[in-house]
């Protein structure tokens, strides 16, 4: 006997209604960190976005939005988005438009 059957026994006059749970919205607690790096990349500049607290699908969604908006390449790896070139200001504006807090690190 499952919970629904038990409730029917307790409340026989109650009509069953379809109820859909509200979708839980994800809230980023800490700001996303945008920093510039050249080390270990053969001198090529990249912008790193760190501090993502959500799932991998959300990370890929953000990365895709940034890459398509700016028309540049990049990737996601271990909770970090790597974007080619020094585009911190543009990326921070995109993230703010998406509703995320950002923090700039470095020059």
PDB file of N, CA and C in Angstrom:
ATOM      1  N   UNK A   1       0.855  -1.173   0.000  1.00  0.00           N
ATOM      2  CA  UNK A   1       0.000   0.000   0.000  1.00  0.00           C
ATOM      3  C   UNK A   1       0.900   1.236   0.000  1.00  0.00           C
ATOM      4  N   UNK A   2       0.740   2.087  -1.008  1.00  0.00           N
ATOM      5  CA  UNK A   2       1.569   3.283  -1.076  1.00  0.00           C
ATOM      6  C   UNK A   2       0.880   4.452  -0.362  1.00  0.00           C
ATOM      7  N   UNK A   3       1.521   5.581  -0.369  1.00  0.00           N
ATOM      8  CA  UNK A   3       1.038   6.749   0.362  1.00  0.00           C
ATOM      9  C   UNK A   3      -0.310   7.238  -0.158  1.00  0.00           C
ATOM     10  N   UNK A   4      -0.514   7.197  -1.457  1.00  0.00           N
ATOM     11  CA  UNK A   4      -1.792   7.641  -2.028  1.00  0.00           C
ATOM     12  C   UNK A   4      -2.957   6.782  -1.524  1.00  0.00           C
ATOM     13  N   UNK A   5      -2.727   5.468  -1.487  1.00  0.00           N
ATOM     14  CA  UNK A   5      -3.771   4.577  -0.989  1.00  0.00           C
ATOM     15  C   UNK A   5      -4.072   4.850   0.478  1.00  0.00           C
ATOM     16  N   UNK A   6      -3.053   5.078   1.262  1.00  0.00           N
ATOM     17  CA  UNK A   6      -3.251   5.379   2.681  1.00  0.00           C
ATOM     18  C   UNK A   6      -4.037   6.669   2.852  1.00  0.00           C
ATOM     19  N   UNK A   7      -3.726   7.683   2.044  1.00  0.00           N
ATOM     20  CA  UNK A   7      -4.449   8.948   2.128  1.00  0.00           C
ATOM     21  C   UNK A   7      -5.902   8.785   1.697  1.00  0.00           C
ATOM     22  N   UNK A   8      -6.173   7.937   0.699  1.00  0.00           N
ATOM     23  CA  UNK A   8      -7.554   7.674   0.274  1.00  0.00           C
ATOM     24  C   UNK A   8      -8.346   7.010   1.390  1.00  0.00           C
ATOM     25  N   UNK A   9      -7.690   6.113   2.129  1.00  0.00           N
ATOM     26  CA  UNK A   9      -8.360   5.461   3.243  1.00  0.00           C
ATOM     27  C   UNK A   9      -8.671   6.452   4.361  1.00  0.00           C
ATOM     28  N   UNK A  10      -7.751   7.375   4.607  1.00  0.00           N
ATOM     29  CA  UNK A  10      -7.953   8.356   5.670  1.00  0.00           C
ATOM     30  C   UNK A  10      -8.970   9.427   5.284  1.00  0.00           C
ATOM     31  N   UNK A  11      -8.961   9.826   3.999  1.00  0.00           N
ATOM     32  CA  UNK A  11      -9.837  10.900   3.521  1.00  0.00           C
ATOM     33  C   UNK A  11     -10.606  10.418   2.290  1.00  0.00           C
ATOM     34  N   UNK A  12     -11.663   9.610   2.484  1.00  0.00           N
ATOM     35  CA  UNK A  12     -12.367   9.039   1.329  1.00  0.00           C
ATOM     36  C   UNK A  12     -13.123  10.070   0.495  1.00  0.00           C
ATOM     37  N   UNK A  13     -13.516  11.203   1.100  1.00  0.00           N
ATOM     38  CA  UNK A  13     -14.288  12.206   0.359  1.00  0.00           C
ATOM     39  C   UNK A  13     -13.409  13.161  -0.444  1.00  0.00           C
ATOM     40  N   UNK A  14     -12.113  13.109  -0.241  1.00  0.00           N
ATOM     41  CA  UNK A  14     -11.197  14.038  -0.903  1.00  0.00           C
ATOM     42  C   UNK A  14     -11.013  13.645  -2.371  1.00  0.00           C
ATOM     43  N   UNK A  15     -11.126  14.638  -3.246  1.00  0.00           N
ATOM     44  CA  UNK A  15     -10.902  14.391  -4.672  1.00  0.00           C
ATOM     45  C   UNK A  15      -9.432  14.587  -4.990  1.00  0.00           C
ATOM     46  N   UNK A  16      -8.878  13.656  -5.725  1.00  0.00           N
ATOM     47  CA  UNK A  16      -7.457  13.724  -6.071  1.00  0.00           C
ATOM     48  C   UNK A  16      -7.242  14.734  -7.193  1.00  0.00           C
ATOM     49  N   UNK A  17      -6.240  15.590  -7.013  1.00  0.00           N
ATOM     50  CA  UNK A  17      -5.918  16.596  -8.019  1.00  0.00           C
ATOM     51  C   UNK A  17      -4.477  16.413  -8.471  1.00  0.00           C
ATOM     52  N   UNK A  18      -4.246  16.757  -9.717  1.00  0.00           N
ATOM     53  CA  UNK A  18      -2.869  16.701 -10.212  1.00  0.00           C
ATOM     54  C   UNK A  18      -2.133  17.923  -9.677  1.00  0.00           C
ATOM     55  N   UNK A  19      -1.008  17.674  -9.079  1.00  0.00           N
ATOM     56  CA  UNK A  19      -0.211  18.748  -8.513  1.00  0.00           C
ATOM     57  C   UNK A  19       1.202  18.632  -9.053  1.00  0.00           C
ATOM     58  N   UNK A  20       1.700  19.717  -9.575  1.00  0.00           N
ATOM     59  CA  UNK A  20       3.058  19.727 -10.114  1.00  0.00           C
ATOM     60  C   UNK A  20       3.941  20.582  -9.212  1.00  0.00           C
ATOM     61  N   UNK A  21       5.045  20.012  -8.809  1.00  0.00           N
ATOM     62  CA  UNK A  21       5.971  20.738  -7.943  1.00  0.00           C
ATOM     63  C   UNK A  21       6.565  21.913  -8.713  1.00  0.00           C
ATOM     64  N   UNK A  22       6.688  23.069  -8.058  1.00  0.00           N
ATOM     65  CA  UNK A  22       7.318  24.198  -8.739  1.00  0.00           C
ATOM     66  C   UNK A  22       8.785  23.893  -9.019  1.00  0.00           C
ATOM     67  N   UNK A  23       9.256  24.378 -10.143  1.00  0.00           N
ATOM     68  CA  UNK A  23      10.640  24.140 -10.532  1.00  0.00           C
ATOM     69  C   UNK A  23      11.569  24.952  -9.644  1.00  0.00           C
ATOM     70  N   UNK A  24      12.569  24.276  -9.125  1.00  0.00           N
ATOM     71  CA  UNK A  24      13.507  24.930  -8.229  1.00  0.00           C
ATOM     72  C   UNK A  24      14.495  25.741  -9.052  1.00  0.00           C
ATOM     73  N   UNK A  25      14.641  27.011  -8.709  1.00  0.00           N
ATOM     74  CA  UNK A  25      15.578  27.847  -9.457  1.00  0.00           C
ATOM     75  C   UNK A  25      16.925  27.860  -8.747  1.00  0.00           C
ATOM     76  N   UNK A  26      17.987  27.796  -9.542  1.00  0.00           N
ATOM     77  CA  UNK A  26      19.340  27.762  -8.996  1.00  0.00           C
ATOM     78  C   UNK A  26      19.812  29.172  -8.709  1.00  0.00           C
ATOM     79  N   UNK A  27      20.398  29.371  -7.553  1.00  0.00           N
ATOM     80  CA  UNK A  27      20.956  30.669  -7.165  1.00  0.00           C
ATOM     81  C   UNK A  27      22.448  30.498  -6.894  1.00  0.00           C
ATOM     82  N   UNK A  28      23.259  31.244  -7.592  1.00  0.00           N
ATOM     83  CA  UNK A  28      24.700  31.248  -7.373  1.00  0.00           C
ATOM     84  C   UNK A  28      24.984  32.070  -6.122  1.00  0.00           C
ATOM     85  N   UNK A  29      25.644  31.484  -5.115  1.00  0.00           N
ATOM     86  CA  UNK A  29      25.894  32.188  -3.859  1.00  0.00           C
ATOM     87  C   UNK A  29      27.092  33.117  -3.947  1.00  0.00           C
ATOM     88  N   UNK A  30      28.185  32.636  -4.465  1.00  0.00           N
ATOM     89  CA  UNK A  30      29.411  33.433  -4.597  1.00  0.00           C
ATOM     90  C   UNK A  30      29.508  33.995  -6.017  1.00  0.00           C
ATOM     91  N   UNK A  31      30.170  35.131  -6.186  1.00  0.00           N
ATOM     92  CA  UNK A  31      30.311  35.678  -7.543  1.00  0.00           C
ATOM     93  C   UNK A  31      31.240  34.819  -8.408  1.00  0.00           C
ATOM     94  N   UNK A  32      30.987  34.843  -9.706  1.00  0.00           N
ATOM     95  CA  UNK A  32      31.880  34.170 -10.651  1.00  0.00           C
ATOM     96  C   UNK A  32      33.130  35.020 -10.812  1.00  0.00           C
ATOM     97  N   UNK A  33      34.273  34.400 -10.814  1.00  0.00           N
ATOM     98  CA  UNK A  33      35.548  35.098 -10.862  1.00  0.00           C
ATOM     99  C   UNK A  33      36.088  35.067 -12.287  1.00  0.00           C
ATOM    100  N   UNK A  34      36.341  36.256 -12.861  1.00  0.00           N
ATOM    101  CA  UNK A  34      36.930  36.372 -14.193  1.00  0.00           C
ATOM    102  C   UNK A  34      38.381  36.792 -14.038  1.00  0.00           C
ATOM    103  N   UNK A  35      39.286  35.964 -14.539  1.00  0.00           N
ATOM    104  CA  UNK A  35      40.694  36.342 -14.459  1.00  0.00           C
ATOM    105  C   UNK A  35      41.407  36.031 -15.768  1.00  0.00           C
ATOM    106  N   UNK A  36      42.509  36.730 -15.962  1.00  0.00           N
ATOM    107  CA  UNK A  36      43.309  36.646 -17.174  1.00  0.00           C
ATOM    108  C   UNK A  36      44.537  35.793 -16.875  1.00  0.00           C
ATOM    109  N   UNK A  37      44.915  34.941 -17.825  1.00  0.00           N
ATOM    110  CA  UNK A  37      46.066  34.069 -17.600  1.00  0.00           C
ATOM    111  C   UNK A  37      46.802  33.805 -18.907  1.00  0.00           C
ATOM    112  N   UNK A  38      48.138  33.733 -18.804  1.00  0.00           N
ATOM    113  CA  UNK A  38      48.983  33.368 -19.948  1.00  0.00           C
ATOM    114  C   UNK A  38      49.861  32.167 -19.618  1.00  0.00           C
ATOM    115  N   UNK A  39      50.097  31.928 -18.348  1.00  0.00           N
ATOM    116  CA  UNK A  39      51.024  30.872 -17.922  1.00  0.00           C
ATOM    117  C   UNK A  39      50.546  29.491 -18.367  1.00  0.00           C
ATOM    118  N   UNK A  40      51.485  28.700 -18.847  1.00  0.00           N
ATOM    119  CA  UNK A  40      51.192  27.323 -19.214  1.00  0.00           C
ATOM    120  C   UNK A  40      50.358  27.168 -20.469  1.00  0.00           C
ATOM    121  N   UNK A  41      50.244  28.229 -21.249  1.00  0.00           N
ATOM    122  CA  UNK A  41      49.423  28.174 -22.464  1.00  0.00           C
ATOM    123  C   UNK A  41      50.216  28.676 -23.679  1.00  0.00           C
ATOM    124  N   UNK A  42      51.523  28.477 -23.643  1.00  0.00           N
ATOM    125  CA  UNK A  42      52.423  28.887 -24.724  1.00  0.00           C
ATOM    126  C   UNK A  42      52.306  30.377 -25.029  1.00  0.00           C
ATOM    127  N   UNK A  43      52.072  31.186 -24.023  1.00  0.00           N
ATOM    128  CA  UNK A  43      51.993  32.625 -24.189  1.00  0.00           C
ATOM    129  C   UNK A  43      50.673  33.141 -24.738  1.00  0.00           C
ATOM    130  N   UNK A  44      49.718  32.240 -24.968  1.00  0.00           N
ATOM    131  CA  UNK A  44      48.426  32.661 -25.509  1.00  0.00           C
ATOM    132  C   UNK A  44      47.515  33.107 -24.362  1.00  0.00           C
ATOM    133  N   UNK A  45      46.898  34.272 -24.495  1.00  0.00           N
ATOM    134  CA  UNK A  45      46.042  34.778 -23.416  1.00  0.00           C
ATOM    135  C   UNK A  45      44.676  34.080 -23.398  1.00  0.00           C
ATOM    136  N   UNK A  46      44.195  33.791 -22.193  1.00  0.00           N
ATOM    137  CA  UNK A  46      42.858  33.238 -22.021  1.00  0.00           C
ATOM    138  C   UNK A  46      42.177  33.914 -20.831  1.00  0.00           C
ATOM    139  N   UNK A  47      40.873  33.899 -20.849  1.00  0.00           N
ATOM    140  CA  UNK A  47      40.084  34.387 -19.720  1.00  0.00           C
ATOM    141  C   UNK A  47      39.468  33.179 -19.043  1.00  0.00           C
ATOM    142  N   UNK A  48      39.663  33.070 -17.743  1.00  0.00           N
ATOM    143  CA  UNK A  48      39.114  31.965 -16.969  1.00  0.00           C
ATOM    144  C   UNK A  48      37.931  32.466 -16.148  1.00  0.00           C
ATOM    145  N   UNK A  49      36.866  31.702 -16.138  1.00  0.00           N
ATOM    146  CA  UNK A  49      35.704  32.015 -15.319  1.00  0.00           C
ATOM    147  C   UNK A  49      35.565  30.868 -14.327  1.00  0.00           C
ATOM    148  N   UNK A  50      35.777  31.177 -13.060  1.00  0.00           N
ATOM    149  CA  UNK A  50      35.794  30.159 -12.014  1.00  0.00           C
ATOM    150  C   UNK A  50      34.707  30.433 -10.981  1.00  0.00           C
ATOM    151  N   UNK A  51      34.439  29.427 -10.157  1.00  0.00           N
ATOM    152  CA  UNK A  51      33.518  29.598  -9.051  1.00  0.00           C
ATOM    153  C   UNK A  51      32.107  29.128  -9.320  1.00  0.00           C
ATOM    154  N   UNK A  52      31.885  28.366 -10.385  1.00  0.00           N
ATOM    155  CA  UNK A  52      30.548  27.879 -10.703  1.00  0.00           C
ATOM    156  C   UNK A  52      30.123  26.848  -9.657  1.00  0.00           C
ATOM    157  N   UNK A  53      28.935  26.998  -9.105  1.00  0.00           N
ATOM    158  CA  UNK A  53      28.441  26.116  -8.048  1.00  0.00           C
ATOM    159  C   UNK A  53      27.353  25.162  -8.519  1.00  0.00           C
ATOM    160  N   UNK A  54      26.906  25.312  -9.750  1.00  0.00           N
ATOM    161  CA  UNK A  54      25.796  24.492 -10.255  1.00  0.00           C
ATOM    162  C   UNK A  54      26.268  23.223 -10.948  1.00  0.00           C
ATOM    163  N   UNK A  55      25.389  22.666 -11.765  1.00  0.00           N
ATOM    164  CA  UNK A  55      25.690  21.430 -12.474  1.00  0.00           C
ATOM    165  C   UNK A  55      26.445  21.705 -13.778  1.00  0.00           C
ATOM    166  N   UNK A  56      26.917  20.626 -14.413  1.00  0.00           N
ATOM    167  CA  UNK A  56      27.700  20.760 -15.648  1.00  0.00           C
ATOM    168  C   UNK A  56      26.870  21.309 -16.805  1.00  0.00           C
ATOM    169  N   UNK A  57      25.587  20.988 -16.834  1.00  0.00           N
ATOM    170  CA  UNK A  57      24.736  21.487 -17.916  1.00  0.00           C
ATOM    171  C   UNK A  57      24.617  23.008 -17.858  1.00  0.00           C
ATOM    172  N   UNK A  58      24.480  23.549 -16.663  1.00  0.00           N
ATOM    173  CA  UNK A  58      24.411  24.999 -16.501  1.00  0.00           C
ATOM    174  C   UNK A  58      25.704  25.668 -16.916  1.00  0.00           C
ATOM    175  N   UNK A  59      26.823  25.025 -16.588  1.00  0.00           N
ATOM    176  CA  UNK A  59      28.131  25.546 -16.967  1.00  0.00           C
ATOM    177  C   UNK A  59      28.272  25.581 -18.488  1.00  0.00           C
ATOM    178  N   UNK A  60      27.845  24.517 -19.147  1.00  0.00           N
ATOM    179  CA  UNK A  60      27.916  24.462 -20.611  1.00  0.00           C
ATOM    180  C   UNK A  60      27.009  25.504 -21.255  1.00  0.00           C
ATOM    181  N   UNK A  61      25.844  25.733 -20.627  1.00  0.00           N
ATOM    182  CA  UNK A  61      24.912  26.740 -21.138  1.00  0.00           C
ATOM    183  C   UNK A  61      25.537  28.137 -21.113  1.00  0.00           C
ATOM    184  N   UNK A  62      26.160  28.475 -19.992  1.00  0.00           N
ATOM    185  CA  UNK A  62      26.805  29.783 -19.845  1.00  0.00           C
ATOM    186  C   UNK A  62      27.948  29.910 -20.840  1.00  0.00           C
ATOM    187  N   UNK A  63      28.757  28.866 -20.944  1.00  0.00           N
ATOM    188  CA  UNK A  63      29.894  28.882 -21.858  1.00  0.00           C
ATOM    189  C   UNK A  63      29.434  29.084 -23.302  1.00  0.00           C
ATOM    190  N   UNK A  64      28.397  28.379 -23.688  1.00  0.00           N
ATOM    191  CA  UNK A  64      27.881  28.495 -25.059  1.00  0.00           C
ATOM    192  C   UNK A  64      27.373  29.904 -25.322  1.00  0.00           C
ATOM    193  N   UNK A  65      26.661  30.481 -24.361  1.00  0.00           N
ATOM    194  CA  UNK A  65      26.131  31.840 -24.509  1.00  0.00           C
ATOM    195  C   UNK A  65      27.279  32.837 -24.719  1.00  0.00           C
ATOM    196  N   UNK A  66      28.334  32.714 -23.917  1.00  0.00           N
ATOM    197  CA  UNK A  66      29.482  33.623 -24.027  1.00  0.00           C
ATOM    198  C   UNK A  66      30.166  33.452 -25.383  1.00  0.00           C
ATOM    199  N   UNK A  67      30.419  32.199 -25.763  1.00  0.00           N
ATOM    200  CA  UNK A  67      31.137  31.940 -27.011  1.00  0.00           C
ATOM    201  C   UNK A  67      30.360  32.396 -28.237  1.00  0.00           C
ATOM    202  N   UNK A  68      29.043  32.176 -28.251  1.00  0.00           N
ATOM    203  CA  UNK A  68      28.270  32.594 -29.420  1.00  0.00           C
ATOM    204  C   UNK A  68      28.091  34.111 -29.471  1.00  0.00           C
ATOM    205  N   UNK A  69      27.949  34.729 -28.299  1.00  0.00           N
ATOM    206  CA  UNK A  69      27.794  36.189 -28.278  1.00  0.00           C
ATOM    207  C   UNK A  69      29.063  36.883 -28.756  1.00  0.00           C
ATOM    208  N   UNK A  70      30.211  36.415 -28.304  1.00  0.00           N
ATOM    209  CA  UNK A  70      31.479  37.045 -28.672  1.00  0.00           C
ATOM    210  C   UNK A  70      32.065  36.493 -29.972  1.00  0.00           C
ATOM    211  N   UNK A  71      31.598  35.333 -30.414  1.00  0.00           N
ATOM    212  CA  UNK A  71      32.117  34.739 -31.648  1.00  0.00           C
ATOM    213  C   UNK A  71      33.541  34.251 -31.514  1.00  0.00           C
ATOM    214  N   UNK A  72      33.872  33.703 -30.337  1.00  0.00           N
ATOM    215  CA  UNK A  72      35.227  33.198 -30.101  1.00  0.00           C
ATOM    216  C   UNK A  72      35.159  31.794 -29.528  1.00  0.00           C
ATOM    217  N   UNK A  73      36.298  31.131 -29.493  1.00  0.00           N
ATOM    218  CA  UNK A  73      36.361  29.758 -29.011  1.00  0.00           C
ATOM    219  C   UNK A  73      36.609  29.671 -27.521  1.00  0.00           C
ATOM    220  N   UNK A  74      36.418  28.476 -27.016  1.00  0.00           N
ATOM    221  CA  UNK A  74      36.657  28.230 -25.607  1.00  0.00           C
ATOM    222  C   UNK A  74      36.212  26.832 -25.241  1.00  0.00           C
ATOM    223  N   UNK A  75      36.289  26.512 -23.953  1.00  0.00           N
ATOM    224  CA  UNK A  75      35.886  25.189 -23.489  1.00  0.00           C
ATOM    225  C   UNK A  75      35.500  25.257 -22.017  1.00  0.00           C
ATOM    226  N   UNK A  76      34.948  24.146 -21.503  1.00  0.00           N
ATOM    227  CA  UNK A  76      34.621  24.009 -20.091  1.00  0.00           C
ATOM    228  C   UNK A  76      35.371  22.789 -19.576  1.00  0.00           C
ATOM    229  N   UNK A  77      35.987  22.924 -18.402  1.00  0.00           N
ATOM    230  CA  UNK A  77      36.736  21.806 -17.856  1.00  0.00           C
ATOM    231  C   UNK A  77      36.810  21.944 -16.344  1.00  0.00           C
ATOM    232  N   UNK A  78      36.385  20.931 -15.623  1.00  0.00           N
ATOM    233  CA  UNK A  78      36.468  20.889 -14.164  1.00  0.00           C
ATOM    234  C   UNK A  78      35.838  22.111 -13.493  1.00  0.00           C
ATOM    235  N   UNK A  79      34.698  22.532 -13.961  1.00  0.00           N
ATOM    236  CA  UNK A  79      34.006  23.666 -13.351  1.00  0.00           C
ATOM    237  C   UNK A  79      34.569  25.020 -13.720  1.00  0.00           C
ATOM    238  N   UNK A  80      35.456  25.080 -14.713  1.00  0.00           N
ATOM    239  CA  UNK A  80      36.070  26.335 -15.156  1.00  0.00           C
ATOM    240  C   UNK A  80      35.773  26.524 -16.637  1.00  0.00           C
ATOM    241  N   UNK A  81      35.369  27.731 -16.996  1.00  0.00           N
ATOM    242  CA  UNK A  81      35.166  28.071 -18.405  1.00  0.00           C
ATOM    243  C   UNK A  81      36.416  28.776 -18.891  1.00  0.00           C
ATOM    244  N   UNK A  82      36.966  28.298 -20.002  1.00  0.00           N
ATOM    245  CA  UNK A  82      38.172  28.881 -20.588  1.00  0.00           C
ATOM    246  C   UNK A  82      37.773  29.518 -21.917  1.00  0.00           C
ATOM    247  N   UNK A  83      37.978  30.833 -22.020  1.00  0.00           N
ATOM    248  CA  UNK A  83      37.630  31.583 -23.228  1.00  0.00           C
ATOM    249  C   UNK A  83      38.909  32.164 -23.818  1.00  0.00           C
ATOM    250  N   UNK A  84      39.078  32.064 -25.124  1.00  0.00           N
ATOM    251  CA  UNK A  84      40.281  32.560 -25.782  1.00  0.00           C
ATOM    252  C   UNK A  84      40.340  34.083 -25.733  1.00  0.00           C
ATOM    253  N   UNK A  85      41.521  34.609 -25.441  1.00  0.00           N
ATOM    254  CA  UNK A  85      41.746  36.053 -25.440  1.00  0.00           C
ATOM    255  C   UNK A  85      41.387  36.709 -24.116  1.00  0.00           C
ATOM    256  N   UNK A  86      41.756  37.980 -23.989  1.00  0.00           N
ATOM    257  CA  UNK A  86      41.449  38.758 -22.785  1.00  0.00           C
ATOM    258  C   UNK A  86      40.143  39.517 -23.024  1.00  0.00           C
ATOM    259  N   UNK A  87      39.047  38.912 -22.626  1.00  0.00           N
ATOM    260  CA  UNK A  87      37.725  39.489 -22.857  1.00  0.00           C
ATOM    261  C   UNK A  87      36.958  39.643 -21.542  1.00  0.00           C
ATOM    262  N   UNK A  88      37.663  39.961 -20.474  1.00  0.00           N
ATOM    263  CA  UNK A  88      37.028  40.004 -19.154  1.00  0.00           C
ATOM    264  C   UNK A  88      35.868  40.981 -19.087  1.00  0.00           C
ATOM    265  N   UNK A  89      36.041  42.184 -19.595  1.00  0.00           N
ATOM    266  CA  UNK A  89      34.986  43.193 -19.492  1.00  0.00           C
ATOM    267  C   UNK A  89      33.727  42.765 -20.245  1.00  0.00           C
ATOM    268  N   UNK A  90      33.901  42.258 -21.450  1.00  0.00           N
ATOM    269  CA  UNK A  90      32.755  41.810 -22.248  1.00  0.00           C
ATOM    270  C   UNK A  90      32.058  40.628 -21.583  1.00  0.00           C
ATOM    271  N   UNK A  91      32.844  39.687 -21.071  1.00  0.00           N
ATOM    272  CA  UNK A  91      32.285  38.500 -20.421  1.00  0.00           C
ATOM    273  C   UNK A  91      31.540  38.891 -19.154  1.00  0.00           C
ATOM    274  N   UNK A  92      32.105  39.821 -18.391  1.00  0.00           N
ATOM    275  CA  UNK A  92      31.438  40.270 -17.173  1.00  0.00           C
ATOM    276  C   UNK A  92      30.106  40.936 -17.485  1.00  0.00           C
ATOM    277  N   UNK A  93      30.033  41.685 -18.563  1.00  0.00           N
ATOM    278  CA  UNK A  93      28.770  42.307 -18.976  1.00  0.00           C
ATOM    279  C   UNK A  93      27.732  41.255 -19.377  1.00  0.00           C
ATOM    280  N   UNK A  94      28.171  40.232 -20.099  1.00  0.00           N
ATOM    281  CA  UNK A  94      27.265  39.149 -20.503  1.00  0.00           C
ATOM    282  C   UNK A  94      26.732  38.425 -19.271  1.00  0.00           C
ATOM    283  N   UNK A  95      27.627  38.128 -18.322  1.00  0.00           N
ATOM    284  CA  UNK A  95      27.209  37.424 -17.109  1.00  0.00           C
ATOM    285  C   UNK A  95      26.257  38.274 -16.266  1.00  0.00           C
ATOM    286  N   UNK A  96      26.511  39.590 -16.210  1.00  0.00           N
ATOM    287  CA  UNK A  96      25.601  40.476 -15.470  1.00  0.00           C
ATOM    288  C   UNK A  96      24.228  40.496 -16.118  1.00  0.00           C
ATOM    289  N   UNK A  97      24.182  40.512 -17.455  1.00  0.00           N
ATOM    290  CA  UNK A  97      22.906  40.476 -18.168  1.00  0.00           C
ATOM    291  C   UNK A  97      22.151  39.171 -17.904  1.00  0.00           C
ATOM    292  N   UNK A  98      22.903  38.084 -17.663  1.00  0.00           N
ATOM    293  CA  UNK A  98      22.296  36.791 -17.361  1.00  0.00           C
ATOM    294  C   UNK A  98      21.871  36.699 -15.889  1.00  0.00           C
ATOM    295  N   UNK A  99      22.255  37.696 -15.087  1.00  0.00           N
ATOM    296  CA  UNK A  99      21.832  37.721 -13.687  1.00  0.00           C
ATOM    297  C   UNK A  99      22.850  37.190 -12.695  1.00  0.00           C
ATOM    298  N   UNK A 100      24.104  37.034 -13.104  1.00  0.00           N
ATOM    299  CA  UNK A 100      25.146  36.526 -12.211  1.00  0.00           C
ATOM    300  C   UNK A 100      26.005  37.674 -11.692  1.00  0.00           C
ATOM    301  N   UNK A 101      26.461  37.527 -10.462  1.00  0.00           N
ATOM    302  CA  UNK A 101      27.417  38.474  -9.902  1.00  0.00           C
ATOM    303  C   UNK A 101      28.795  38.068 -10.385  1.00  0.00           C
ATOM    304  N   UNK A 102      29.647  39.055 -10.660  1.00  0.00           N
ATOM    305  CA  UNK A 102      30.993  38.755 -11.135  1.00  0.00           C
ATOM    306  C   UNK A 102      32.019  39.528 -10.321  1.00  0.00           C
ATOM    307  N   UNK A 103      33.235  39.026 -10.380  1.00  0.00           N
ATOM    308  CA  UNK A 103      34.347  39.656  -9.676  1.00  0.00           C
ATOM    309  C   UNK A 103      35.557  39.582 -10.596  1.00  0.00           C
ATOM    310  N   UNK A 104      36.218  40.703 -10.807  1.00  0.00           N
ATOM    311  CA  UNK A 104      37.385  40.737 -11.695  1.00  0.00           C
ATOM    312  C   UNK A 104      38.650  40.576 -10.865  1.00  0.00           C
ATOM    313  N   UNK A 105      39.536  39.717 -11.328  1.00  0.00           N
ATOM    314  CA  UNK A 105      40.809  39.509 -10.641  1.00  0.00           C
ATOM    315  C   UNK A 105      41.933  39.824 -11.623  1.00  0.00           C
ATOM    316  N   UNK A 106      42.900  40.580 -11.177  1.00  0.00           N
ATOM    317  CA  UNK A 106      44.039  40.943 -12.027  1.00  0.00           C
ATOM    318  C   UNK A 106      43.790  42.252 -12.739  1.00  0.00           C
ATOM    319  N   UNK A 107      44.870  42.843 -13.268  1.00  0.00           N
ATOM    320  CA  UNK A 107      44.896  44.110 -13.944  1.00  0.00           C
ATOM    321  C   UNK A 107      43.757  44.571 -14.647  1.00  0.00           C
TER     322      UNK A 107
END
